[in-house]
PDB file of N, CA and C in Angstrom:
ATOM      1  N   MET A   1      76.497 159.199  96.004  1.00  0.00           N
ATOM      2  CA  MET A   1      75.923 158.629  94.880  1.00  0.00           C
ATOM      3  C   MET A   1      76.379 157.285  94.943  1.00  0.00           C
ATOM      4  N   ARG A   2      75.407 156.376  95.355  1.00  0.00           N
ATOM      5  CA  ARG A   2      75.555 154.890  95.129  1.00  0.00           C
ATOM      6  C   ARG A   2      74.618 154.737  93.829  1.00  0.00           C
ATOM      7  N   GLN A   3      75.363 153.515  93.334  1.00  0.00           N
ATOM      8  CA  GLN A   3      74.365 152.481  92.187  1.00  0.00           C
ATOM      9  C   GLN A   3      72.978 152.471  93.040  1.00  0.00           C
ATOM     10  N   GLY A   4      72.025 152.717  91.720  1.00  0.00           N
ATOM     11  CA  GLY A   4      70.438 152.597  92.249  1.00  0.00           C
ATOM     12  C   GLY A   4      69.581 153.827  92.822  1.00  0.00           C
ATOM     13  N   ASP A   5      70.423 154.211  93.805  1.00  0.00           N
ATOM     14  CA  ASP A   5      69.448 155.624  94.283  1.00  0.00           C
ATOM     15  C   ASP A   5      69.408 156.566  93.327  1.00  0.00           C
ATOM     16  N   ALA A   6      68.415 157.724  94.006  1.00  0.00           N
ATOM     17  CA  ALA A   6      67.994 158.407  93.475  1.00  0.00           C
ATOM     18  C   ALA A   6      68.456 159.253  92.246  1.00  0.00           C
ATOM     19  N   GLU A   7      69.612 159.954  93.428  1.00  0.00           N
ATOM     20  CA  GLU A   7      70.848 160.415  92.849  1.00  0.00           C
ATOM     21  C   GLU A   7      71.308 160.280  91.201  1.00  0.00           C
ATOM     22  N   TYR A   8      71.658 158.439  91.956  1.00  0.00           N
ATOM     23  CA  TYR A   8      72.299 157.925  90.729  1.00  0.00           C
ATOM     24  C   TYR A   8      71.245 157.808  89.084  1.00  0.00           C
ATOM     25  N   LEU A   9      70.217 157.379  89.921  1.00  0.00           N
ATOM     26  CA  LEU A   9      69.723 157.185  88.744  1.00  0.00           C
ATOM     27  C   LEU A   9      69.162 158.650  87.470  1.00  0.00           C
ATOM     28  N   ALA A  10      69.349 159.763  88.600  1.00  0.00           N
ATOM     29  CA  ALA A  10      69.010 161.160  87.443  1.00  0.00           C
ATOM     30  C   ALA A  10      70.196 161.044  87.245  1.00  0.00           C
ATOM     31  N   ALA A  11      71.408 160.920  87.763  1.00  0.00           N
ATOM     32  CA  ALA A  11      73.049 160.915  86.415  1.00  0.00           C
ATOM     33  C   ALA A  11      72.798 160.168  85.599  1.00  0.00           C
ATOM     34  N   LEU A  12      72.508 158.801  85.656  1.00  0.00           N
ATOM     35  CA  LEU A  12      72.131 157.913  84.755  1.00  0.00           C
ATOM     36  C   LEU A  12      71.252 158.579  83.566  1.00  0.00           C
ATOM     37  N   ASP A  13      69.925 158.769  83.468  1.00  0.00           N
ATOM     38  CA  ASP A  13      69.194 159.712  82.762  1.00  0.00           C
ATOM     39  C   ASP A  13      69.995 160.948  82.046  1.00  0.00           C
ATOM     40  N   GLU A  14      70.853 161.751  82.549  1.00  0.00           N
ATOM     41  CA  GLU A  14      71.176 162.278  82.490  1.00  0.00           C
ATOM     42  C   GLU A  14      72.681 162.029  81.491  1.00  0.00           C
ATOM     43  N   THR A  15      72.905 160.897  81.789  1.00  0.00           N
ATOM     44  CA  THR A  15      74.258 160.059  80.950  1.00  0.00           C
ATOM     45  C   THR A  15      73.803 159.551  79.640  1.00  0.00           C
ATOM     46  N   VAL A  16      72.503 159.039  79.310  1.00  0.00           N
ATOM     47  CA  VAL A  16      71.440 158.505  78.218  1.00  0.00           C
ATOM     48  C   VAL A  16      71.585 159.783  77.455  1.00  0.00           C
ATOM     49  N   GLU A  17      70.902 160.993  77.836  1.00  0.00           N
ATOM     50  CA  GLU A  17      70.417 161.937  77.210  1.00  0.00           C
ATOM     51  C   GLU A  17      72.155 162.662  76.396  1.00  0.00           C
ATOM     52  N   ILE A  18      72.894 162.969  77.307  1.00  0.00           N
ATOM     53  CA  ILE A  18      73.863 163.557  76.828  1.00  0.00           C
ATOM     54  C   ILE A  18      74.941 162.542  75.592  1.00  0.00           C
ATOM     55  N   LEU A  19      74.613 161.262  75.919  1.00  0.00           N
ATOM     56  CA  LEU A  19      75.705 160.211  74.780  1.00  0.00           C
ATOM     57  C   LEU A  19      74.670 160.219  73.772  1.00  0.00           C
ATOM     58  N   ARG A  20      73.557 160.209  73.770  1.00  0.00           N
ATOM     59  CA  ARG A  20      72.052 160.336  72.534  1.00  0.00           C
ATOM     60  C   ARG A  20      72.694 161.446  71.724  1.00  0.00           C
ATOM     61  N   ARG A  21      72.741 162.616  72.187  1.00  0.00           N
ATOM     62  CA  ARG A  21      73.025 163.971  71.737  1.00  0.00           C
ATOM     63  C   ARG A  21      74.475 163.884  71.021  1.00  0.00           C
ATOM     64  N   TRP A  22      75.351 163.465  71.623  1.00  0.00           N
ATOM     65  CA  TRP A  22      76.773 163.359  71.278  1.00  0.00           C
ATOM     66  C   TRP A  22      76.466 162.644  69.723  1.00  0.00           C
ATOM     67  N   ALA A  23      75.849 161.144  70.014  1.00  0.00           N
ATOM     68  CA  ALA A  23      75.933 160.010  68.889  1.00  0.00           C
ATOM     69  C   ALA A  23      75.036 161.185  67.456  1.00  0.00           C
ATOM     70  N   ARG A  24      74.264 161.911  68.007  1.00  0.00           N
ATOM     71  CA  ARG A  24      73.798 162.481  66.902  1.00  0.00           C
ATOM     72  C   ARG A  24      74.163 163.362  65.882  1.00  0.00           C
ATOM     73  N   GLU A  25      75.370 163.882  66.867  1.00  0.00           N
ATOM     74  CA  GLU A  25      76.135 165.191  66.385  1.00  0.00           C
ATOM     75  C   GLU A  25      77.402 164.431  65.693  1.00  0.00           C
ATOM     76  N   GLY A  26      77.576 163.181  65.978  1.00  0.00           N
ATOM     77  CA  GLY A  26      78.703 162.925  65.275  1.00  0.00           C
ATOM     78  C   GLY A  26      79.800 163.043  66.120  1.00  0.00           C
ATOM     79  N   ARG A  27      80.198 163.479  67.641  1.00  0.00           N
ATOM     80  CA  ARG A  27      80.715 163.545  67.750  1.00  0.00           C
ATOM     81  C   ARG A  27      82.212 162.224  68.383  1.00  0.00           C
ATOM     82  N   SER A  28      83.159 162.416  67.533  1.00  0.00           N
ATOM     83  CA  SER A  28      84.601 162.181  67.826  1.00  0.00           C
ATOM     84  C   SER A  28      85.509 162.300  69.169  1.00  0.00           C
ATOM     85  N   ASP A  29      85.092 163.899  70.149  1.00  0.00           N
ATOM     86  CA  ASP A  29      85.694 163.808  71.189  1.00  0.00           C
ATOM     87  C   ASP A  29      85.290 163.662  72.257  1.00  0.00           C
ATOM     88  N   GLY A  30      84.112 162.541  72.241  1.00  0.00           N
ATOM     89  CA  GLY A  30      83.070 162.531  73.840  1.00  0.00           C
ATOM     90  C   GLY A  30      84.617 161.954  74.776  1.00  0.00           C
ATOM     91  N   TRP A  31      84.927 162.760  75.494  1.00  0.00           N
ATOM     92  CA  TRP A  31      86.026 162.379  76.319  1.00  0.00           C
ATOM     93  C   TRP A  31      85.364 161.811  77.519  1.00  0.00           C
ATOM     94  N   TYR A  32      85.923 161.312  78.583  1.00  0.00           N
ATOM     95  CA  TYR A  32      85.016 160.590  79.853  1.00  0.00           C
ATOM     96  C   TYR A  32      85.166 162.332  80.713  1.00  0.00           C
ATOM     97  N   LYS A  33      86.189 162.988  80.131  1.00  0.00           N
ATOM     98  CA  LYS A  33      86.474 164.483  80.824  1.00  0.00           C
ATOM     99  C   LYS A  33      85.230 165.434  81.078  1.00  0.00           C
ATOM    100  N   SER A  34      85.025 165.120  79.744  1.00  0.00           N
ATOM    101  CA  SER A  34      83.960 166.393  78.805  1.00  0.00           C
ATOM    102  C   SER A  34      82.722 165.578  79.229  1.00  0.00           C
ATOM    103  N   LEU A  35      82.190 164.547  79.574  1.00  0.00           N
ATOM    104  CA  LEU A  35      80.875 164.035  79.979  1.00  0.00           C
ATOM    105  C   LEU A  35      81.136 164.154  81.374  1.00  0.00           C
ATOM    106  N   SER A  36      82.206 164.172  82.534  1.00  0.00           N
ATOM    107  CA  SER A  36      82.124 164.395  83.652  1.00  0.00           C
ATOM    108  C   SER A  36      81.664 166.245  83.841  1.00  0.00           C
ATOM    109  N   GLU A  37      82.177 166.877  83.147  1.00  0.00           N
ATOM    110  CA  GLU A  37      82.361 168.335  83.015  1.00  0.00           C
ATOM    111  C   GLU A  37      80.639 168.408  82.921  1.00  0.00           C
ATOM    112  N   GLU A  38      79.812 167.748  81.975  1.00  0.00           N
ATOM    113  CA  GLU A  38      78.535 168.001  81.398  1.00  0.00           C
ATOM    114  C   GLU A  38      77.688 167.557  82.344  1.00  0.00           C
ATOM    115  N   LEU A  39      77.918 166.563  83.403  1.00  0.00           N
ATOM    116  CA  LEU A  39      76.995 165.693  83.989  1.00  0.00           C
ATOM    117  C   LEU A  39      77.192 167.177  85.335  1.00  0.00           C
ATOM    118  N   LYS A  40      78.231 167.211  85.864  1.00  0.00           N
ATOM    119  CA  LYS A  40      78.487 168.427  86.881  1.00  0.00           C
ATOM    120  C   LYS A  40      77.869 169.920  86.530  1.00  0.00           C
ATOM    121  N   ALA A  41      77.553 170.320  85.447  1.00  0.00           N
ATOM    122  CA  ALA A  41      76.993 171.400  84.894  1.00  0.00           C
ATOM    123  C   ALA A  41      75.668 170.880  85.055  1.00  0.00           C
ATOM    124  N   ASN A  42      75.127 169.826  84.754  1.00  0.00           N
ATOM    125  CA  ASN A  42      73.748 169.619  85.260  1.00  0.00           C
ATOM    126  C   ASN A  42      73.153 169.056  86.836  1.00  0.00           C
ATOM    127  N   GLY A  43      74.792 169.680  87.443  1.00  0.00           N
ATOM    128  CA  GLY A  43      74.253 168.661  88.956  1.00  0.00           C
ATOM    129  C   GLY A  43      74.539 167.600  89.460  1.00  0.00           C
ATOM    130  N   HIS A  44      75.177 167.094  88.586  1.00  0.00           N
ATOM    131  CA  HIS A  44      75.210 165.936  88.914  1.00  0.00           C
ATOM    132  C   HIS A  44      77.272 165.913  88.874  1.00  0.00           C
ATOM    133  N   GLY A  45      77.847 165.574  90.393  1.00  0.00           N
ATOM    134  CA  GLY A  45      79.313 165.226  90.646  1.00  0.00           C
ATOM    135  C   GLY A  45      80.082 163.780  90.490  1.00  0.00           C
ATOM    136  N   VAL A  46      80.001 163.935  89.169  1.00  0.00           N
ATOM    137  CA  VAL A  46      81.158 162.410  88.607  1.00  0.00           C
ATOM    138  C   VAL A  46      81.945 162.512  88.227  1.00  0.00           C
ATOM    139  N   HIS A  47      83.311 162.164  89.281  1.00  0.00           N
ATOM    140  CA  HIS A  47      84.286 162.541  88.516  1.00  0.00           C
ATOM    141  C   HIS A  47      84.969 161.388  87.313  1.00  0.00           C
ATOM    142  N   TYR A  48      85.986 162.034  86.303  1.00  0.00           N
ATOM    143  CA  TYR A  48      85.821 160.813  85.476  1.00  0.00           C
ATOM    144  C   TYR A  48      86.809 160.296  85.144  1.00  0.00           C
ATOM    145  N   ARG A  49      87.526 160.442  86.538  1.00  0.00           N
ATOM    146  CA  ARG A  49      88.132 159.004  86.987  1.00  0.00           C
ATOM    147  C   ARG A  49      87.409 158.063  88.201  1.00  0.00           C
ATOM    148  N   GLY A  50      86.584 158.117  88.498  1.00  0.00           N
ATOM    149  CA  GLY A  50      86.011 157.236  89.474  1.00  0.00           C
ATOM    150  C   GLY A  50      85.431 156.070  89.376  1.00  0.00           C
ATOM    151  N   PRO A  51      84.802 155.478  90.335  1.00  0.00           N
ATOM    152  CA  PRO A  51      84.167 154.306  89.819  1.00  0.00           C
ATOM    153  C   PRO A  51      83.179 154.233  89.235  1.00  0.00           C
ATOM    154  N   ILE A  52      81.953 155.887  89.833  1.00  0.00           N
ATOM    155  CA  ILE A  52      80.690 155.938  89.071  1.00  0.00           C
ATOM    156  C   ILE A  52      80.633 156.027  87.670  1.00  0.00           C
ATOM    157  N   ILE A  53      81.390 156.917  87.208  1.00  0.00           N
ATOM    158  CA  ILE A  53      81.089 156.921  85.589  1.00  0.00           C
ATOM    159  C   ILE A  53      81.254 155.753  84.726  1.00  0.00           C
ATOM    160  N   SER A  54      82.016 154.869  85.219  1.00  0.00           N
ATOM    161  CA  SER A  54      82.135 153.826  84.815  1.00  0.00           C
ATOM    162  C   SER A  54      80.956 152.654  85.163  1.00  0.00           C
ATOM    163  N   LEU A  55      80.292 152.802  85.942  1.00  0.00           N
ATOM    164  CA  LEU A  55      78.977 152.483  86.717  1.00  0.00           C
ATOM    165  C   LEU A  55      77.676 152.814  85.586  1.00  0.00           C
ATOM    166  N   LEU A  56      78.227 154.431  85.288  1.00  0.00           N
ATOM    167  CA  LEU A  56      77.398 154.954  84.339  1.00  0.00           C
ATOM    168  C   LEU A  56      76.786 154.330  83.310  1.00  0.00           C
ATOM    169  N   LEU A  57      78.222 154.548  82.799  1.00  0.00           N
ATOM    170  CA  LEU A  57      78.815 154.062  81.207  1.00  0.00           C
ATOM    171  C   LEU A  57      77.937 152.744  80.993  1.00  0.00           C
ATOM    172  N   GLY A  58      78.255 151.825  81.783  1.00  0.00           N
ATOM    173  CA  GLY A  58      77.674 150.257  81.702  1.00  0.00           C
ATOM    174  C   GLY A  58      76.115 150.449  81.836  1.00  0.00           C
ATOM    175  N   ASP A  59      76.087 151.031  83.235  1.00  0.00           N
ATOM    176  CA  ASP A  59      74.003 150.913  83.036  1.00  0.00           C
ATOM    177  C   ASP A  59      73.074 151.754  81.742  1.00  0.00           C
ATOM    178  N   ALA A  60      74.100 153.178  81.096  1.00  0.00           N
ATOM    179  CA  ALA A  60      73.072 153.578  80.019  1.00  0.00           C
ATOM    180  C   ALA A  60      73.858 152.459  78.724  1.00  0.00           C
ATOM    181  N   CYS A  61      74.457 151.556  78.372  1.00  0.00           N
ATOM    182  CA  CYS A  61      74.928 150.888  77.619  1.00  0.00           C
ATOM    183  C   CYS A  61      72.962 149.978  78.089  1.00  0.00           C
ATOM    184  N   ARG A  62      73.499 149.490  79.188  1.00  0.00           N
ATOM    185  CA  ARG A  62      72.257 148.337  79.347  1.00  0.00           C
ATOM    186  C   ARG A  62      71.050 148.986  79.119  1.00  0.00           C
ATOM    187  N   SER A  63      70.356 150.249  79.493  1.00  0.00           N
ATOM    188  CA  SER A  63      69.241 150.395  78.795  1.00  0.00           C
ATOM    189  C   SER A  63      69.095 151.208  77.880  1.00  0.00           C
ATOM    190  N   ASP A  64      70.015 151.538  77.094  1.00  0.00           N
ATOM    191  CA  ASP A  64      70.036 151.491  75.450  1.00  0.00           C
ATOM    192  C   ASP A  64      69.790 150.243  74.562  1.00  0.00           C
ATOM    193  N   SER A  65      70.408 149.599  75.524  1.00  0.00           N
ATOM    194  CA  SER A  65      70.397 147.869  74.418  1.00  0.00           C
ATOM    195  C   SER A  65      70.068 147.490  74.955  1.00  0.00           C
ATOM    196  N   GLN A  66      69.401 146.199  74.042  1.00  0.00           N
ATOM    197  CA  GLN A  66      69.541 144.623  74.832  1.00  0.00           C
ATOM    198  C   GLN A  66      70.404 144.063  74.274  1.00  0.00           C
ATOM    199  N   GLY A  67      71.509 144.340  73.933  1.00  0.00           N
ATOM    200  CA  GLY A  67      72.593 143.544  73.083  1.00  0.00           C
ATOM    201  C   GLY A  67      72.800 143.551  71.429  1.00  0.00           C
ATOM    202  N   ARG A  68      71.698 143.496  70.910  1.00  0.00           N
ATOM    203  CA  ARG A  68      71.839 143.550  69.460  1.00  0.00           C
ATOM    204  C   ARG A  68      71.972 144.935  68.938  1.00  0.00           C
ATOM    205  N   ASP A  69      71.779 146.108  69.834  1.00  0.00           N
ATOM    206  CA  ASP A  69      71.729 147.193  69.010  1.00  0.00           C
ATOM    207  C   ASP A  69      73.090 147.801  69.718  1.00  0.00           C
ATOM    208  N   PRO A  70      73.734 148.776  68.873  1.00  0.00           N
ATOM    209  CA  PRO A  70      75.392 149.299  69.205  1.00  0.00           C
ATOM    210  C   PRO A  70      75.232 149.508  70.694  1.00  0.00           C
ATOM    211  N   MET A  71      76.710 149.656  71.467  1.00  0.00           N
ATOM    212  CA  MET A  71      76.539 149.842  72.855  1.00  0.00           C
ATOM    213  C   MET A  71      77.008 151.581  73.019  1.00  0.00           C
ATOM    214  N   LEU A  72      75.785 152.241  73.130  1.00  0.00           N
ATOM    215  CA  LEU A  72      76.005 153.927  73.304  1.00  0.00           C
ATOM    216  C   LEU A  72      77.596 154.325  73.617  1.00  0.00           C
ATOM    217  N   SER A  73      77.822 153.548  75.000  1.00  0.00           N
ATOM    218  CA  SER A  73      79.272 154.159  75.232  1.00  0.00           C
ATOM    219  C   SER A  73      80.541 154.083  74.396  1.00  0.00           C
ATOM    220  N   ALA A  74      80.157 153.127  73.390  1.00  0.00           N
ATOM    221  CA  ALA A  74      81.545 152.992  72.567  1.00  0.00           C
ATOM    222  C   ALA A  74      81.834 154.617  71.913  1.00  0.00           C
ATOM    223  N   ILE A  75      80.612 155.706  72.358  1.00  0.00           N
ATOM    224  CA  ILE A  75      81.519 157.029  71.332  1.00  0.00           C
ATOM    225  C   ILE A  75      82.370 157.825  72.552  1.00  0.00           C
ATOM    226  N   VAL A  76      82.596 157.117  73.996  1.00  0.00           N
ATOM    227  CA  VAL A  76      83.168 158.005  75.325  1.00  0.00           C
ATOM    228  C   VAL A  76      84.837 157.178  74.925  1.00  0.00           C
ATOM    229  N   ILE A  77      85.690 158.390  74.951  1.00  0.00           N
ATOM    230  CA  ILE A  77      86.967 158.039  75.056  1.00  0.00           C
ATOM    231  C   ILE A  77      87.705 158.270  75.997  1.00  0.00           C
ATOM    232  N   LEU A  78      89.095 158.044  76.241  1.00  0.00           N
ATOM    233  CA  LEU A  78      90.230 158.457  76.820  1.00  0.00           C
ATOM    234  C   LEU A  78      90.932 158.926  76.010  1.00  0.00           C
ATOM    235  N   LYS A  79      91.199 160.544  76.031  1.00  0.00           N
ATOM    236  CA  LYS A  79      91.889 161.840  75.777  1.00  0.00           C
ATOM    237  C   LYS A  79      93.325 161.364  75.182  1.00  0.00           C
ATOM    238  N   ALA A  80      93.779 160.893  76.090  1.00  0.00           N
ATOM    239  CA  ALA A  80      95.227 160.006  76.237  1.00  0.00           C
ATOM    240  C   ALA A  80      95.416 159.284  74.720  1.00  0.00           C
ATOM    241  N   THR A  81      94.326 158.278  74.764  1.00  0.00           N
ATOM    242  CA  THR A  81      94.829 157.494  73.521  1.00  0.00           C
ATOM    243  C   THR A  81      93.426 157.165  72.550  1.00  0.00           C
ATOM    244  N   GLY A  82      92.589 158.170  73.052  1.00  0.00           N
ATOM    245  CA  GLY A  82      91.732 158.125  71.405  1.00  0.00           C
ATOM    246  C   GLY A  82      90.846 156.665  71.862  1.00  0.00           C
ATOM    247  N   ARG A  83      90.446 155.980  72.649  1.00  0.00           N
ATOM    248  CA  ARG A  83      90.062 154.866  72.594  1.00  0.00           C
ATOM    249  C   ARG A  83      89.278 154.861  74.168  1.00  0.00           C
ATOM    250  N   PRO A  84      88.313 154.389  73.605  1.00  0.00           N
ATOM    251  CA  PRO A  84      87.409 153.994  75.617  1.00  0.00           C
ATOM    252  C   PRO A  84      88.896 152.796  76.455  1.00  0.00           C
ATOM    253  N   ALA A  85      88.016 153.144  77.908  1.00  0.00           N
ATOM    254  CA  ALA A  85      88.908 152.395  78.757  1.00  0.00           C
ATOM    255  C   ALA A  85      88.872 150.890  78.855  1.00  0.00           C
ATOM    256  N   GLY A  86      89.265 150.522  79.350  1.00  0.00           N
ATOM    257  CA  GLY A  86      89.223 148.977  79.470  1.00  0.00           C
ATOM    258  C   GLY A  86      88.416 148.308  80.010  1.00  0.00           C
ATOM    259  N   GLN A  87      87.342 148.665  81.004  1.00  0.00           N
ATOM    260  CA  GLN A  87      86.001 148.746  81.146  1.00  0.00           C
ATOM    261  C   GLN A  87      84.928 148.609  80.133  1.00  0.00           C
ATOM    262  N   PHE A  88      85.302 149.504  79.130  1.00  0.00           N
ATOM    263  CA  PHE A  88      84.039 148.770  78.245  1.00  0.00           C
ATOM    264  C   PHE A  88      84.521 148.276  77.056  1.00  0.00           C
ATOM    265  N   PHE A  89      86.033 147.742  77.102  1.00  0.00           N
ATOM    266  CA  PHE A  89      85.934 146.034  76.384  1.00  0.00           C
ATOM    267  C   PHE A  89      85.873 145.105  77.384  1.00  0.00           C
ATOM    268  N   GLU A  90      85.552 145.204  78.710  1.00  0.00           N
ATOM    269  CA  GLU A  90      85.189 144.263  79.173  1.00  0.00           C
ATOM    270  C   GLU A  90      83.693 144.168  79.816  1.00  0.00           C
ATOM    271  N   LEU A  91      83.135 145.384  79.149  1.00  0.00           N
ATOM    272  CA  LEU A  91      81.411 145.127  79.053  1.00  0.00           C
ATOM    273  C   LEU A  91      81.065 144.617  77.678  1.00  0.00           C
ATOM    274  N   ALA A  92      81.778 145.170  76.910  1.00  0.00           N
ATOM    275  CA  ALA A  92      81.566 144.286  75.393  1.00  0.00           C
ATOM    276  C   ALA A  92      81.506 142.517  75.567  1.00  0.00           C
ATOM    277  N   LYS A  93      82.541 142.225  76.409  1.00  0.00           N
ATOM    278  CA  LYS A  93      82.319 140.561  76.275  1.00  0.00           C
ATOM    279  C   LYS A  93      81.832 139.959  76.653  1.00  0.00           C
ATOM    280  N   GLY A  94      80.952 140.700  77.599  1.00  0.00           N
ATOM    281  CA  GLY A  94      79.556 140.150  78.585  1.00  0.00           C
ATOM    282  C   GLY A  94      78.309 139.888  78.581  1.00  0.00           C
ATOM    283  N   ALA A  95      77.089 139.450  78.753  1.00  0.00           N
ATOM    284  CA  ALA A  95      76.054 139.950  78.338  1.00  0.00           C
ATOM    285  C   ALA A  95      75.444 141.033  79.143  1.00  0.00           C
ATOM    286  N   PRO A  96      74.689 141.535  78.456  1.00  0.00           N
ATOM    287  CA  PRO A  96      73.973 140.943  77.472  1.00  0.00           C
ATOM    288  C   PRO A  96      74.772 141.742  75.878  1.00  0.00           C
ATOM    289  N   PHE A  97      75.505 142.126  75.282  1.00  0.00           N
ATOM    290  CA  PHE A  97      76.427 142.224  74.466  1.00  0.00           C
ATOM    291  C   PHE A  97      77.036 141.428  74.156  1.00  0.00           C
ATOM    292  N   HIS A  98      78.065 140.276  74.251  1.00  0.00           N
ATOM    293  CA  HIS A  98      78.660 139.345  73.999  1.00  0.00           C
ATOM    294  C   HIS A  98      79.070 140.057  72.525  1.00  0.00           C
ATOM    295  N   ARG A  99      80.113 140.617  72.919  1.00  0.00           N
ATOM    296  CA  ARG A  99      80.725 140.519  71.792  1.00  0.00           C
ATOM    297  C   ARG A  99      82.028 140.328  71.191  1.00  0.00           C
ATOM    298  N   THR A 100      82.542 139.272  71.169  1.00  0.00           N
ATOM    299  CA  THR A 100      83.379 138.694  71.076  1.00  0.00           C
ATOM    300  C   THR A 100      84.021 137.844  69.753  1.00  0.00           C
ATOM    301  N   ALA A 101      82.950 138.024  68.900  1.00  0.00           N
ATOM    302  CA  ALA A 101      84.239 138.165  67.444  1.00  0.00           C
ATOM    303  C   ALA A 101      85.316 138.434  67.307  1.00  0.00           C
ATOM    304  N   ALA A 102      85.830 137.654  66.909  1.00  0.00           N
ATOM    305  CA  ALA A 102      87.532 138.208  66.484  1.00  0.00           C
ATOM    306  C   ALA A 102      87.776 139.677  65.589  1.00  0.00           C
ATOM    307  N   ASP A 103      86.344 139.610  64.423  1.00  0.00           N
ATOM    308  CA  ASP A 103      86.485 140.451  63.871  1.00  0.00           C
ATOM    309  C   ASP A 103      85.859 141.938  64.012  1.00  0.00           C
ATOM    310  N   TRP A 104      85.488 141.668  65.708  1.00  0.00           N
ATOM    311  CA  TRP A 104      84.474 143.121  66.121  1.00  0.00           C
ATOM    312  C   TRP A 104      85.854 143.918  66.705  1.00  0.00           C
ATOM    313  N   THR A 105      85.581 145.517  65.874  1.00  0.00           N
ATOM    314  CA  THR A 105      86.249 146.290  66.900  1.00  0.00           C
ATOM    315  C   THR A 105      85.822 147.208  67.761  1.00  0.00           C
ATOM    316  N   TRP A 106      85.925 148.595  68.336  1.00  0.00           N
ATOM    317  CA  TRP A 106      85.090 149.132  69.087  1.00  0.00           C
ATOM    318  C   TRP A 106      84.765 150.090  67.905  1.00  0.00           C
ATOM    319  N   GLU A 107      85.630 150.503  67.304  1.00  0.00           N
ATOM    320  CA  GLU A 107      85.660 151.530  66.070  1.00  0.00           C
ATOM    321  C   GLU A 107      84.166 151.020  64.884  1.00  0.00           C
ATOM    322  N   GLN A 108      84.015 150.108  64.852  1.00  0.00           N
ATOM    323  CA  GLN A 108      83.126 149.211  64.267  1.00  0.00           C
ATOM    324  C   GLN A 108      81.748 149.917  64.843  1.00  0.00           C
ATOM    325  N   GLU A 109      81.689 149.401  66.420  1.00  0.00           N
ATOM    326  CA  GLU A 109      80.725 149.577  67.056  1.00  0.00           C
ATOM    327  C   GLU A 109      80.437 151.145  67.287  1.00  0.00           C
ATOM    328  N   ARG A 110      81.453 152.358  67.127  1.00  0.00           N
ATOM    329  CA  ARG A 110      81.138 153.400  67.429  1.00  0.00           C
ATOM    330  C   ARG A 110      80.513 154.070  66.193  1.00  0.00           C
ATOM    331  N   ALA A 111      80.895 153.434  64.687  1.00  0.00           N
ATOM    332  CA  ALA A 111      80.471 153.793  63.838  1.00  0.00           C
ATOM    333  C   ALA A 111      79.011 153.250  63.646  1.00  0.00           C
ATOM    334  N   ARG A 112      78.258 152.360  64.475  1.00  0.00           N
ATOM    335  CA  ARG A 112      77.155 152.083  64.897  1.00  0.00           C
ATOM    336  C   ARG A 112      76.293 152.846  65.411  1.00  0.00           C
ATOM    337  N   VAL A 113      76.686 152.911  66.789  1.00  0.00           N
ATOM    338  CA  VAL A 113      76.103 154.103  67.557  1.00  0.00           C
ATOM    339  C   VAL A 113      75.840 155.340  66.508  1.00  0.00           C
ATOM    340  N   PHE A 114      76.680 156.028  66.088  1.00  0.00           N
ATOM    341  CA  PHE A 114      76.207 156.934  65.060  1.00  0.00           C
ATOM    342  C   PHE A 114      75.643 156.853  64.093  1.00  0.00           C
ATOM    343  N   ALA A 115      75.552 156.042  63.043  1.00  0.00           N
ATOM    344  CA  ALA A 115      74.479 155.553  62.348  1.00  0.00           C
ATOM    345  C   ALA A 115      72.890 155.567  63.063  1.00  0.00           C
ATOM    346  N   ARG A 116      73.047 154.630  64.021  1.00  0.00           N
ATOM    347  CA  ARG A 116      71.683 154.294  64.432  1.00  0.00           C
ATOM    348  C   ARG A 116      70.956 155.263  65.154  1.00  0.00           C
ATOM    349  N   TYR A 117      71.986 156.612  65.216  1.00  0.00           N
ATOM    350  CA  TYR A 117      71.054 158.627  66.152  1.00  0.00           C
ATOM    351  C   TYR A 117      71.034 159.117  64.753  1.00  0.00           C
ATOM    352  N   ARG A 118      71.908 158.841  63.691  1.00  0.00           N
ATOM    353  CA  ARG A 118      71.835 159.601  62.846  1.00  0.00           C
ATOM    354  C   ARG A 118      70.203 159.526  61.881  1.00  0.00           C
ATOM    355  N   GLU A 119      69.959 158.094  61.956  1.00  0.00           N
ATOM    356  CA  GLU A 119      68.928 157.826  61.517  1.00  0.00           C
ATOM    357  C   GLU A 119      67.100 157.649  62.274  1.00  0.00           C
ATOM    358  N   SER A 120      67.628 158.341  63.356  1.00  0.00           N
ATOM    359  CA  SER A 120      66.404 158.364  64.642  1.00  0.00           C
ATOM    360  C   SER A 120      66.219 160.101  64.473  1.00  0.00           C
TER     361      SER A 120
END
């Protein structure tokens, strides 16, 4: 699987759907491994420690938000730390998100994701 190929795009669509469902459910146990397992169950072999999952989460955020909306992948966390991986924070700083305010936290971002999808 390579970013942009048909298999990747299908996995991306599935990733967005899974994350939106998790957000509607208010899941606070959305681990990378859980996402990987759900993707695998749906025919997408994406390892939770591999580079593809990071690409999928970044692209899921960009496809779901034009920058002002909350970042969908804020609900995906590492089981060991209870926080997103470093790639999430790097994504948050860059375009189109620009989450650089001193008082910004991923917990607030996660709460915004849950609120957005509860309202839908």
